[in-house]
Amino acid sequence: MSKFIGTIHVFVKTDVNNPADTQILIALHRLGFTSVSEIKMGKCFLVSFKAANEADARAELTAMCKKLLAFSVSENFKIIEIKELQETAMEKPPMDTADVKLDIPLNVLAGSPSGYVEQDAPLCPQCGLKTTARGAAYICHNCGESLGAS
């Protein structure tokens, strides 16, 4: 068996409304990126696995997407690349994301002074950044907006 690495993109279907796309577009406009007319948020998966050949690797990736990685009711997936890894590269596949740099500190992206990211917290309607839970309400640490109970 050979070792492969597959790259998969998953996006919300075009006929499905994704409120996160709208919030990101609003936030980009407020940050001065007014030329952006549309954005689609998605997921990218890098999967390292073993298969007999490239055809089997594609079939395996497709099965992974259908069973777990993509929600077929509202998401589409596309296998972008399947690459067979060389013997010398089998110990550590090229999945290092250490070179990814953010211009905005994580705590600003998270909307929290501590940098703690709350997965289900809504985006602030005023500035578009992530809010944090405070009891039954959500607070934006960027602009002070309060959502929910007061």
Foldseek 3Di string as FASTA:
>chain_A
DFKKKWKKKKWWDPVDDDVLFVLVLVLCVLVPVVVDDGDTDIDMDIDIDDDPDDVRVVVVVVVCCPVPVYDVVTMDMDTDDMDTDDPVCVVPPPPDPVPDDDPDDQCLQQQHPVSDHDPPAAADPPNSHGWDDDPQWTARNPPGDIGDDD
